[in-house]
Amino acid sequence: MSMMYIGAGGWAYFKVPGMDSLAAYSKAFDFVEVNSTFYTTPSMEMVRSWRQRVTDNFMFSVRCHGDLTHKIPAFPNRGKL
């Protein structure tokens, strides 16, 4: 049977007084979509800091950068239909 992960798009809005937003979010959910990667590529230092603030079983999904989805035409199957 497949696993289903429940989460939301981003954690910045997840506010708990006295807690880091990502750490607090990870206590409520086990998955998050990183929306910021649509606009910019995070540094490895930033990604490491995300990983250090969550549990080992926490899952991240990153959005494809907007240049790939909205600016660069990609038609890999054109001509094959």
N, C-alpha and C. Protein backbone atom coordinates (compact mmCIF):
# COMPACT_ATOMS: atom_id res chain seq x y z
N MET A 1 0.83 -1.17 0.00
CA MET A 1 0.00 0.00 0.00
C MET A 1 0.88 1.24 0.00
N SER A 2 0.50 2.26 -0.73
CA SER A 2 1.26 3.51 -0.82
C SER A 2 1.03 4.37 0.42
N MET A 3 2.04 5.18 0.72
CA MET A 3 1.93 6.13 1.83
C MET A 3 1.37 7.43 1.29
N MET A 4 0.59 8.12 2.10
CA MET A 4 0.10 9.45 1.75
C MET A 4 0.65 10.42 2.79
N TYR A 5 1.24 11.48 2.30
CA TYR A 5 1.79 12.49 3.20
C TYR A 5 0.88 13.71 3.17
N ILE A 6 0.60 14.25 4.33
CA ILE A 6 -0.29 15.40 4.46
C ILE A 6 0.54 16.61 4.87
N GLY A 7 0.33 17.71 4.17
CA GLY A 7 1.04 18.93 4.50
C GLY A 7 0.43 20.09 3.76
N ALA A 8 1.17 21.17 3.69
CA ALA A 8 0.69 22.39 3.04
C ALA A 8 1.81 22.99 2.19
N GLY A 9 1.47 24.03 1.49
CA GLY A 9 2.45 24.74 0.67
C GLY A 9 3.10 25.84 1.49
N GLY A 10 4.22 25.54 2.09
CA GLY A 10 4.95 26.53 2.88
C GLY A 10 4.69 26.42 4.37
N TRP A 11 5.57 27.05 5.14
CA TRP A 11 5.45 27.01 6.59
C TRP A 11 5.55 28.39 7.23
N ALA A 12 5.83 29.41 6.46
CA ALA A 12 6.06 30.75 7.02
C ALA A 12 4.86 31.28 7.79
N TYR A 13 3.66 30.92 7.37
CA TYR A 13 2.44 31.38 8.02
C TYR A 13 2.12 30.61 9.30
N PHE A 14 2.82 29.50 9.54
CA PHE A 14 2.53 28.61 10.67
C PHE A 14 3.21 29.20 11.91
N LYS A 15 2.48 29.98 12.66
CA LYS A 15 3.06 30.71 13.80
C LYS A 15 2.66 30.08 15.13
N VAL A 16 3.67 29.79 15.93
CA VAL A 16 3.48 29.34 17.31
C VAL A 16 4.40 30.21 18.15
N PRO A 17 3.86 30.95 19.11
CA PRO A 17 4.70 31.85 19.91
C PRO A 17 5.90 31.12 20.52
N GLY A 18 7.07 31.72 20.34
CA GLY A 18 8.29 31.19 20.92
C GLY A 18 8.93 30.05 20.14
N MET A 19 8.36 29.69 18.97
CA MET A 19 8.92 28.58 18.18
C MET A 19 9.25 29.03 16.77
N ASP A 20 10.26 28.43 16.21
CA ASP A 20 10.58 28.60 14.80
C ASP A 20 9.42 28.04 13.98
N SER A 21 9.00 28.75 12.93
CA SER A 21 7.84 28.33 12.14
C SER A 21 7.99 26.93 11.55
N LEU A 22 9.15 26.62 10.97
CA LEU A 22 9.34 25.30 10.37
C LEU A 22 9.35 24.20 11.42
N ALA A 23 10.02 24.43 12.53
CA ALA A 23 10.05 23.43 13.61
C ALA A 23 8.64 23.18 14.14
N ALA A 24 7.87 24.24 14.32
CA ALA A 24 6.49 24.09 14.80
C ALA A 24 5.65 23.35 13.78
N TYR A 25 5.78 23.73 12.51
CA TYR A 25 5.02 23.08 11.44
C TYR A 25 5.31 21.58 11.41
N SER A 26 6.58 21.23 11.57
CA SER A 26 6.97 19.81 11.47
C SER A 26 6.43 18.97 12.62
N LYS A 27 5.98 19.60 13.67
CA LYS A 27 5.36 18.86 14.77
C LYS A 27 3.89 18.55 14.47
N ALA A 28 3.31 19.31 13.53
CA ALA A 28 1.91 19.10 13.16
C ALA A 28 1.76 18.27 11.89
N PHE A 29 2.72 18.39 10.97
CA PHE A 29 2.65 17.70 9.68
C PHE A 29 3.98 16.99 9.41
N ASP A 30 3.96 16.02 8.49
CA ASP A 30 5.20 15.31 8.15
C ASP A 30 5.67 15.60 6.73
N PHE A 31 5.08 16.61 6.09
CA PHE A 31 5.40 16.92 4.70
C PHE A 31 5.12 18.40 4.43
N VAL A 32 5.96 19.01 3.59
CA VAL A 32 5.70 20.39 3.17
C VAL A 32 6.19 20.59 1.74
N GLU A 33 5.47 21.42 1.00
CA GLU A 33 5.92 21.84 -0.32
C GLU A 33 6.68 23.15 -0.14
N VAL A 34 7.90 23.21 -0.66
CA VAL A 34 8.71 24.42 -0.56
C VAL A 34 8.35 25.31 -1.77
N ASN A 35 7.54 26.31 -1.53
CA ASN A 35 7.09 27.19 -2.61
C ASN A 35 8.17 28.14 -3.10
N SER A 36 9.08 28.52 -2.23
CA SER A 36 10.08 29.54 -2.59
C SER A 36 10.98 29.10 -3.74
N THR A 37 11.11 27.79 -3.96
CA THR A 37 11.99 27.31 -5.04
C THR A 37 11.41 27.61 -6.42
N PHE A 38 10.16 28.02 -6.50
CA PHE A 38 9.57 28.46 -7.76
C PHE A 38 10.21 29.77 -8.20
N TYR A 39 10.64 30.58 -7.23
CA TYR A 39 11.16 31.92 -7.50
C TYR A 39 12.68 32.01 -7.45
N THR A 40 13.30 31.20 -6.62
CA THR A 40 14.76 31.27 -6.46
C THR A 40 15.29 29.91 -6.00
N THR A 41 16.56 29.66 -6.27
CA THR A 41 17.20 28.43 -5.83
C THR A 41 17.86 28.68 -4.48
N PRO A 42 17.48 27.93 -3.46
CA PRO A 42 18.07 28.14 -2.13
C PRO A 42 19.51 27.66 -2.09
N SER A 43 20.28 28.25 -1.21
CA SER A 43 21.66 27.81 -1.02
C SER A 43 21.66 26.47 -0.29
N MET A 44 22.74 25.73 -0.42
CA MET A 44 22.85 24.46 0.31
C MET A 44 22.82 24.72 1.81
N GLU A 45 23.36 25.82 2.25
CA GLU A 45 23.31 26.17 3.68
C GLU A 45 21.87 26.32 4.15
N MET A 46 21.04 26.97 3.33
CA MET A 46 19.63 27.15 3.67
C MET A 46 18.92 25.80 3.74
N VAL A 47 19.17 24.94 2.75
CA VAL A 47 18.53 23.62 2.72
C VAL A 47 18.96 22.80 3.93
N ARG A 48 20.22 22.86 4.27
CA ARG A 48 20.70 22.13 5.47
C ARG A 48 20.00 22.63 6.73
N SER A 49 19.79 23.95 6.81
CA SER A 49 19.12 24.50 8.00
C SER A 49 17.68 24.01 8.09
N TRP A 50 17.01 23.86 6.94
CA TRP A 50 15.66 23.30 6.96
C TRP A 50 15.69 21.89 7.53
N ARG A 51 16.61 21.07 7.03
CA ARG A 51 16.70 19.66 7.44
C ARG A 51 17.01 19.56 8.92
N GLN A 52 17.84 20.44 9.45
CA GLN A 52 18.24 20.39 10.86
C GLN A 52 17.10 20.76 11.81
N ARG A 53 16.08 21.45 11.30
CA ARG A 53 14.99 21.94 12.15
C ARG A 53 13.77 21.02 12.18
N VAL A 54 13.86 19.88 11.49
CA VAL A 54 12.72 18.95 11.44
C VAL A 54 13.17 17.56 11.86
N THR A 55 12.20 16.68 12.02
CA THR A 55 12.51 15.29 12.39
C THR A 55 13.08 14.54 11.19
N ASP A 56 13.71 13.40 11.45
CA ASP A 56 14.33 12.61 10.39
C ASP A 56 13.33 12.11 9.34
N ASN A 57 12.10 11.87 9.74
CA ASN A 57 11.12 11.33 8.79
C ASN A 57 10.34 12.42 8.05
N PHE A 58 10.65 13.67 8.28
CA PHE A 58 9.95 14.78 7.62
C PHE A 58 10.34 14.84 6.15
N MET A 59 9.35 15.10 5.28
CA MET A 59 9.58 15.12 3.83
C MET A 59 9.39 16.53 3.28
N PHE A 60 10.28 16.89 2.36
CA PHE A 60 10.18 18.15 1.63
C PHE A 60 9.91 17.85 0.17
N SER A 61 9.06 18.64 -0.45
CA SER A 61 8.87 18.60 -1.90
C SER A 61 9.17 19.99 -2.40
N VAL A 62 10.05 20.11 -3.39
CA VAL A 62 10.38 21.44 -3.91
C VAL A 62 9.68 21.68 -5.24
N ARG A 63 9.19 22.89 -5.40
CA ARG A 63 8.54 23.26 -6.66
C ARG A 63 9.61 23.48 -7.71
N CYS A 64 9.30 23.12 -8.92
CA CYS A 64 10.18 23.37 -10.05
C CYS A 64 10.27 24.88 -10.25
N HIS A 65 11.46 25.37 -10.58
CA HIS A 65 11.65 26.80 -10.77
C HIS A 65 10.76 27.32 -11.90
N GLY A 66 10.24 28.52 -11.73
CA GLY A 66 9.33 29.12 -12.69
C GLY A 66 9.90 29.30 -14.08
N ASP A 67 11.22 29.46 -14.18
CA ASP A 67 11.83 29.57 -15.51
C ASP A 67 11.58 28.31 -16.33
N LEU A 68 11.60 27.17 -15.67
CA LEU A 68 11.38 25.91 -16.38
C LEU A 68 9.92 25.66 -16.72
N THR A 69 9.04 26.17 -15.89
CA THR A 69 7.62 25.89 -16.11
C THR A 69 6.88 26.98 -16.86
N HIS A 70 7.41 28.22 -16.85
CA HIS A 70 6.68 29.33 -17.45
C HIS A 70 7.43 30.11 -18.52
N LYS A 71 8.76 29.99 -18.58
CA LYS A 71 9.52 30.81 -19.53
C LYS A 71 10.18 30.01 -20.64
N ILE A 72 10.68 28.83 -20.33
CA ILE A 72 11.38 28.03 -21.33
C ILE A 72 10.39 27.06 -21.97
N PRO A 73 10.15 27.20 -23.27
CA PRO A 73 9.20 26.27 -23.89
C PRO A 73 9.79 24.85 -23.92
N ALA A 74 9.01 23.93 -23.44
CA ALA A 74 9.46 22.53 -23.43
C ALA A 74 8.36 21.67 -24.06
N PHE A 75 8.69 21.06 -25.16
CA PHE A 75 7.75 20.22 -25.86
C PHE A 75 8.42 18.88 -26.19
N PRO A 76 8.71 18.08 -25.15
CA PRO A 76 9.46 16.84 -25.39
C PRO A 76 8.73 15.82 -26.27
N ASN A 77 7.41 15.89 -26.33
CA ASN A 77 6.66 14.90 -27.10
C ASN A 77 6.17 15.43 -28.44
N ARG A 78 6.50 16.65 -28.76
CA ARG A 78 6.03 17.23 -30.02
C ARG A 78 6.53 16.38 -31.20
N GLY A 79 5.66 16.06 -32.09
CA GLY A 79 6.02 15.25 -33.21
C GLY A 79 5.84 13.76 -32.99
N LYS A 80 5.59 13.36 -31.76
CA LYS A 80 5.41 11.93 -31.45
C LYS A 80 3.94 11.56 -31.35
N LEU A 81 3.08 12.55 -31.39
CA LEU A 81 1.64 12.26 -31.27
C LEU A 81 1.04 11.96 -32.60
